[in-house]
Amino acid sequence: MSETTPTPESEEPTPAAAAETTPGTAATSPAAAETAVADPPPLVEPGASSATDDVIVEPAATSESEPVVATADPAVVQTARPVQSQHVVYVEAPQPPRKRGNRAIGSLLVIASAVLFAVLYAVILYVVGLVSHGVADFNFISQFDFWVPVIAFAVGFIILVLIVNRAGWAAYVIGSLFVGVFVYFATAGGLLLLHASSVPTNEVGAAFKTVLFSAVAISAALLAREVSLWVGFAIAARGRRVKVRNVEARDEYERDEAAKRAEYERANGARADAAPAPIADEVPAS
C-alpha cells in the first residue's frame, strides 16, 4: 500500500504550475513540466555577478576645457572642475601732477611793469624837455609818440616771459638786452610810421637815422632794459618757487603711486589666498 505525502496548502505553486494556471497561456507537455520542476533557476545572491554577464564600462565624456589630472591610481582619472570667476579688485591710480608754469603770472607782472615803464618814461621825457627847451609839461602823454615805446616794451617783455617761463634770473639778464634792442628799433620804426606822411620819400633813410639817435629812442631802450631786468628778477624768483612746488608734487605723486601699487598687490595676494582650490571628480578610466 503506497503512502502519499500530503502537500501543504501554504506551499506556493511551482513555476510550472503557475504557467499552467495562467490564463491565456498555452498548455505544456508533462515532460516539459517535469524538466521545469527538476531544474529550478539558480539563485543569485545580492552583490554577486554572473561570470557570463558582459560588463561594458563606457568612459566618461570630458570636454577639452576640463583639464585631466593624473593620479597615482591609473584606474582613476580626476577631472578638475573649472574655478568660478573671481572678484576683480580695481584700485584707482593717482593722476600725474600737471606742471605749473610761470607764464600767466609773469605776463601780469609784465603789464604792471609796463605801467611803471610808462611813468618813468614820462618823467624822462619831462626832464629832457626841461633841459632842451627850459620849459616842459606832460601834454605829450596824450600823443601817440609817447605810447609807441610803452607798447613795444610790453610786447617785447611778454615774448621774453613766454619763452623763458620758469627760468632763473640769468635768463632775464640776457633777455633784458633783447627787450632793450626790441624797444629801440620798435620805437624808431613806430615814430617813423606815425610821421611817414610828413617825411619826403627821398629822406626816409635820413629820418630813420635821426630817430635812432634821438634821446627819445635811446632813453626808451635803456629804460626798457633796466625795467625788464629788475622785474625779471621778481618773475624768476616766482619761477624758482614754482619749480620747487612741481618737484614736491611729483614726489607726492610717486609716493601715492607706490602706495596704490602696494595696495593692489596686497588685494591680489589676499584674493589668491582666499580662492578655493579646483575640485577634482574621480572618473573611472576606460
Protein backbone atom coordinates (compact mmCIF):
# COMPACT_ATOMS: atom_id res chain seq x y z
CA MET A 1 0.00 0.00 0.00
CA SER A 2 1.61 3.21 -1.15
CA GLU A 3 1.66 6.24 1.04
CA THR A 4 1.22 9.68 -0.40
CA THR A 5 2.84 12.69 1.16
CA PRO A 6 0.35 15.40 1.71
CA THR A 7 1.23 18.75 0.14
CA PRO A 8 0.92 21.67 2.49
CA GLU A 9 -1.69 24.13 1.47
CA SER A 10 0.57 27.07 2.25
CA GLU A 11 3.23 25.92 -0.21
CA GLU A 12 3.41 28.13 -3.26
CA PRO A 13 2.87 26.55 -6.64
CA THR A 14 5.90 25.83 -8.73
CA PRO A 15 6.69 27.88 -11.76
CA ALA A 16 5.40 25.13 -14.00
CA ALA A 17 2.10 25.05 -12.18
CA ALA A 18 1.88 28.81 -12.34
CA ALA A 19 2.47 28.61 -16.05
CA GLU A 20 -0.30 26.09 -16.41
CA THR A 21 -2.78 28.11 -14.38
CA THR A 22 -2.02 31.44 -16.02
CA PRO A 23 -4.95 32.39 -18.21
CA GLY A 24 -4.27 32.88 -21.87
CA THR A 25 -1.10 30.72 -21.94
CA ALA A 26 -0.68 27.52 -23.99
CA ALA A 27 -0.72 24.14 -22.28
CA THR A 28 2.64 22.47 -21.77
CA SER A 29 3.52 18.83 -22.01
CA PRO A 30 4.15 16.72 -18.89
CA ALA A 31 7.82 16.27 -19.86
CA ALA A 32 8.38 20.00 -20.08
CA ALA A 33 6.67 20.49 -16.72
CA GLU A 34 8.86 17.82 -15.11
CA THR A 35 12.01 19.47 -16.57
CA ALA A 36 10.94 22.84 -15.22
CA VAL A 37 10.34 21.35 -11.80
CA ALA A 38 13.56 19.34 -11.78
CA ASP A 39 15.81 22.25 -12.84
CA PRO A 40 14.87 25.32 -10.88
CA PRO A 41 16.52 28.62 -11.86
CA PRO A 42 19.74 29.30 -9.99
CA LEU A 43 19.54 31.70 -7.14
CA VAL A 44 21.71 34.84 -7.44
CA GLU A 45 22.90 36.33 -4.23
CA PRO A 46 22.80 40.10 -3.88
CA GLY A 47 26.10 41.74 -4.86
CA ALA A 48 27.29 38.67 -6.86
CA SER A 49 27.77 38.91 -10.59
CA SER A 50 27.48 36.13 -13.08
CA ALA A 51 30.53 35.04 -14.99
CA THR A 52 28.58 35.02 -18.21
CA ASP A 53 27.38 38.62 -17.89
CA ASP A 54 29.25 41.14 -20.08
CA VAL A 55 30.09 44.33 -18.23
CA ILE A 56 30.55 47.30 -20.52
CA VAL A 57 32.20 50.35 -18.99
CA GLU A 58 31.89 53.49 -21.01
CA PRO A 59 34.49 56.22 -20.37
CA ALA A 60 33.13 59.47 -19.05
CA ALA A 61 32.97 62.14 -21.65
CA THR A 62 35.27 65.01 -20.82
CA SER A 63 35.35 68.30 -22.63
CA GLU A 64 38.51 69.96 -23.83
CA SER A 65 38.01 72.79 -21.36
CA GLU A 66 38.20 70.43 -18.36
CA PRO A 67 41.80 69.55 -17.54
CA VAL A 68 42.54 65.94 -16.65
CA VAL A 69 44.62 65.50 -13.50
CA ALA A 70 46.85 62.43 -13.33
CA THR A 71 46.66 60.44 -10.10
CA ALA A 72 48.67 57.65 -8.53
CA ASP A 73 45.99 55.11 -9.41
CA PRO A 74 45.93 54.71 -13.21
CA ALA A 75 42.39 53.30 -13.00
CA VAL A 76 41.07 56.61 -11.73
CA VAL A 77 41.14 59.86 -13.66
CA GLN A 78 40.42 63.11 -11.89
CA THR A 79 38.70 65.83 -13.80
CA ALA A 80 39.16 69.31 -12.29
CA ARG A 81 36.09 71.44 -12.18
CA PRO A 82 36.58 74.98 -13.51
CA VAL A 83 37.01 77.51 -10.73
CA GLN A 84 34.26 80.07 -10.59
CA SER A 85 35.04 83.59 -11.69
CA GLN A 86 36.80 85.60 -9.04
CA HIS A 87 36.10 89.12 -7.97
CA VAL A 88 38.39 91.66 -9.61
CA VAL A 89 39.74 94.41 -7.37
CA TYR A 90 40.16 97.79 -9.06
CA VAL A 91 42.44 100.36 -7.47
CA GLU A 92 42.19 103.92 -8.73
CA ALA A 93 45.57 105.07 -9.98
CA PRO A 94 46.64 108.58 -8.96
CA GLN A 95 46.77 111.14 -11.72
CA PRO A 96 50.19 112.58 -12.52
CA PRO A 97 50.51 116.21 -11.46
CA ARG A 98 50.39 118.90 -14.08
CA LYS A 99 53.46 121.07 -14.20
CA ARG A 100 52.69 124.62 -13.21
CA GLY A 101 54.11 127.35 -15.38
CA ASN A 102 55.10 130.94 -14.79
CA ARG A 103 53.74 132.45 -17.97
CA ALA A 104 50.38 133.70 -16.74
CA ILE A 105 51.64 135.40 -13.58
CA GLY A 106 54.71 136.59 -15.47
CA SER A 107 52.52 138.26 -18.08
CA LEU A 108 50.53 140.01 -15.36
CA LEU A 109 53.78 141.28 -13.87
CA VAL A 110 54.81 142.49 -17.33
CA ILE A 111 51.60 144.54 -17.59
CA ALA A 112 52.30 146.06 -14.17
CA SER A 113 55.88 146.78 -15.23
CA ALA A 114 54.58 148.44 -18.40
CA VAL A 115 52.71 150.90 -16.20
CA LEU A 116 55.92 151.53 -14.29
CA PHE A 117 57.79 151.94 -17.56
CA ALA A 118 55.24 154.50 -18.77
CA VAL A 119 55.57 156.54 -15.58
CA LEU A 120 59.37 156.54 -15.67
CA TYR A 121 59.41 157.27 -19.39
CA ALA A 122 57.14 160.25 -18.88
CA VAL A 123 59.47 161.58 -16.20
CA ILE A 124 62.48 161.14 -18.52
CA LEU A 125 60.73 162.98 -21.35
CA TYR A 126 59.80 165.77 -18.98
CA VAL A 127 63.42 166.15 -17.85
CA VAL A 128 64.68 166.03 -21.47
CA GLY A 129 62.22 168.73 -22.48
CA LEU A 130 63.11 170.84 -19.50
CA VAL A 131 66.83 170.60 -20.27
CA SER A 132 66.42 171.15 -24.01
CA HIS A 133 63.82 173.95 -24.03
CA GLY A 134 63.80 175.22 -20.49
CA VAL A 135 60.05 174.65 -20.29
CA ALA A 136 58.31 171.27 -20.08
CA ASP A 137 54.91 169.78 -19.39
CA PHE A 138 53.16 166.42 -19.56
CA ASN A 139 50.95 167.17 -22.57
CA PHE A 140 52.89 164.59 -24.60
CA ILE A 141 51.09 161.82 -22.69
CA SER A 142 48.05 162.30 -24.93
CA GLN A 143 50.12 161.83 -28.11
CA PHE A 144 50.74 158.51 -29.86
CA ASP A 145 54.51 159.17 -29.90
CA PHE A 146 54.57 158.59 -26.16
CA TRP A 147 52.74 155.24 -26.24
CA VAL A 148 54.80 153.65 -29.02
CA PRO A 149 57.77 152.69 -26.75
CA VAL A 150 55.36 151.65 -23.95
CA ILE A 151 53.54 149.22 -26.25
CA ALA A 152 56.86 147.97 -27.66
CA PHE A 153 58.13 147.32 -24.12
CA ALA A 154 55.02 145.34 -23.15
CA VAL A 155 55.15 143.21 -26.31
CA GLY A 156 58.88 142.51 -26.10
CA PHE A 157 58.77 141.67 -22.39
CA ILE A 158 55.78 139.33 -22.77
CA ILE A 159 57.63 137.48 -25.57
CA LEU A 160 60.57 137.03 -23.23
CA VAL A 161 58.40 135.71 -20.39
CA LEU A 162 56.64 133.26 -22.70
CA ILE A 163 59.98 131.93 -23.89
CA VAL A 164 61.85 131.53 -20.61
CA ASN A 165 58.81 130.56 -18.47
CA ARG A 166 60.30 129.17 -15.21
CA ALA A 167 63.90 130.05 -16.00
CA GLY A 168 66.18 131.69 -13.44
CA TRP A 169 67.49 135.21 -13.18
CA ALA A 170 70.30 134.58 -15.68
CA ALA A 171 67.73 134.19 -18.46
CA TYR A 172 66.31 137.63 -17.63
CA VAL A 173 69.75 139.19 -17.52
CA ILE A 174 70.28 138.14 -21.11
CA GLY A 175 66.64 138.59 -22.06
CA SER A 176 66.59 142.20 -20.86
CA LEU A 177 69.10 143.01 -23.60
CA PHE A 178 66.67 141.56 -26.12
CA VAL A 179 63.87 143.70 -24.70
CA GLY A 180 66.02 146.85 -24.87
CA VAL A 181 67.00 146.23 -28.50
CA PHE A 182 63.42 145.39 -29.42
CA VAL A 183 62.11 148.59 -27.86
CA TYR A 184 64.84 150.63 -29.51
CA PHE A 185 64.07 149.59 -33.07
CA ALA A 186 60.33 149.36 -32.48
CA THR A 187 60.26 152.93 -31.17
CA ALA A 188 62.25 154.24 -34.12
CA GLY A 189 60.14 152.39 -36.64
CA GLY A 190 56.83 153.30 -34.92
CA LEU A 191 57.67 157.01 -34.78
CA LEU A 192 58.72 156.95 -38.41
CA LEU A 193 55.43 155.30 -39.41
CA LEU A 194 53.41 157.82 -37.45
CA HIS A 195 55.07 160.71 -39.28
CA ALA A 196 55.53 158.98 -42.63
CA SER A 197 53.13 161.39 -44.34
CA SER A 198 55.33 164.35 -43.42
CA VAL A 199 58.60 162.74 -44.48
CA PRO A 200 59.58 163.01 -48.17
CA THR A 201 60.32 159.79 -49.95
CA ASN A 202 63.97 160.65 -50.58
CA GLU A 203 64.51 161.49 -46.90
CA VAL A 204 63.16 158.33 -45.29
CA GLY A 205 66.62 156.93 -44.57
CA ALA A 206 67.84 160.16 -43.03
CA ALA A 207 64.68 160.47 -40.95
CA PHE A 208 65.07 156.94 -39.65
CA LYS A 209 68.70 157.62 -38.69
CA THR A 210 67.63 160.77 -36.89
CA VAL A 211 65.03 158.89 -34.85
CA LEU A 212 67.52 156.13 -33.99
CA PHE A 213 69.94 158.60 -32.46
CA SER A 214 67.27 160.69 -30.77
CA ALA A 215 67.04 160.98 -27.00
CA VAL A 216 63.53 159.52 -27.14
CA ALA A 217 64.58 156.18 -28.68
CA ILE A 218 67.79 155.83 -26.67
CA SER A 219 66.13 156.64 -23.33
CA ALA A 220 63.26 154.25 -24.11
CA ALA A 221 65.71 151.41 -24.90
CA LEU A 222 67.81 151.94 -21.77
CA LEU A 223 64.74 152.21 -19.55
CA ALA A 224 63.23 149.08 -21.10
CA ARG A 225 66.40 147.14 -20.40
CA GLU A 226 66.51 148.20 -16.74
CA VAL A 227 62.84 147.66 -16.00
CA SER A 228 62.79 144.25 -17.68
CA LEU A 229 65.92 143.29 -15.75
CA TRP A 230 64.61 144.10 -12.26
CA VAL A 231 61.08 142.92 -12.86
CA GLY A 232 62.57 139.84 -14.47
CA PHE A 233 64.33 139.06 -11.20
CA ALA A 234 60.94 139.05 -9.47
CA ILE A 235 59.47 136.80 -12.15
CA ALA A 236 62.46 134.46 -11.90
CA ALA A 237 62.06 134.26 -8.11
CA ARG A 238 58.48 133.12 -8.55
CA GLY A 239 59.56 130.68 -11.25
CA ARG A 240 62.02 129.14 -8.81
CA ARG A 241 59.22 128.63 -6.27
CA VAL A 242 57.03 127.11 -8.97
CA LYS A 243 59.76 124.62 -9.84
CA VAL A 244 60.10 123.64 -6.18
CA ARG A 245 56.34 123.04 -5.93
CA ASN A 246 56.43 120.98 -9.11
CA VAL A 247 59.16 118.78 -7.66
CA GLU A 248 57.21 118.35 -4.42
CA ALA A 249 54.05 117.48 -6.33
CA ARG A 250 55.97 114.93 -8.40
CA ASP A 251 57.44 113.33 -5.30
CA GLU A 252 54.00 113.13 -3.68
CA TYR A 253 52.59 111.56 -6.85
CA GLU A 254 55.32 108.91 -6.85
CA ARG A 255 54.63 108.11 -3.19
CA ASP A 256 50.90 107.81 -3.84
CA GLU A 257 51.55 105.62 -6.86
CA ALA A 258 53.79 103.33 -4.82
CA ALA A 259 51.15 103.10 -2.08
CA LYS A 260 48.41 102.30 -4.60
CA ARG A 261 50.58 99.67 -6.23
CA ALA A 262 51.28 98.06 -2.86
CA GLU A 263 47.57 98.09 -2.04
CA TYR A 264 46.79 96.47 -5.37
CA GLU A 265 49.37 93.75 -4.80
CA ARG A 266 48.05 93.07 -1.30
CA ALA A 267 44.49 92.84 -2.61
CA ASN A 268 45.53 90.41 -5.34
CA GLY A 269 47.54 88.33 -2.86
CA ALA A 270 44.62 88.11 -0.43
CA ARG A 271 42.28 87.18 -3.26
CA ALA A 272 44.64 84.44 -4.44
CA ASP A 273 44.90 83.03 -0.91
CA ALA A 274 41.12 83.06 -0.43
CA ALA A 275 40.39 81.47 -3.81
CA PRO A 276 39.10 77.84 -3.48
CA ALA A 277 41.23 75.06 -4.94
CA PRO A 278 39.89 73.21 -8.00
CA ILE A 279 37.61 70.27 -7.06
CA ALA A 280 38.54 67.02 -8.76
CA ASP A 281 35.92 64.47 -9.81
CA GLU A 282 37.02 60.84 -9.99
CA VAL A 283 36.15 59.28 -13.31
CA PRO A 284 36.86 55.59 -13.98
CA ALA A 285 39.44 55.14 -16.69
CA SER A 286 38.45 53.18 -19.78
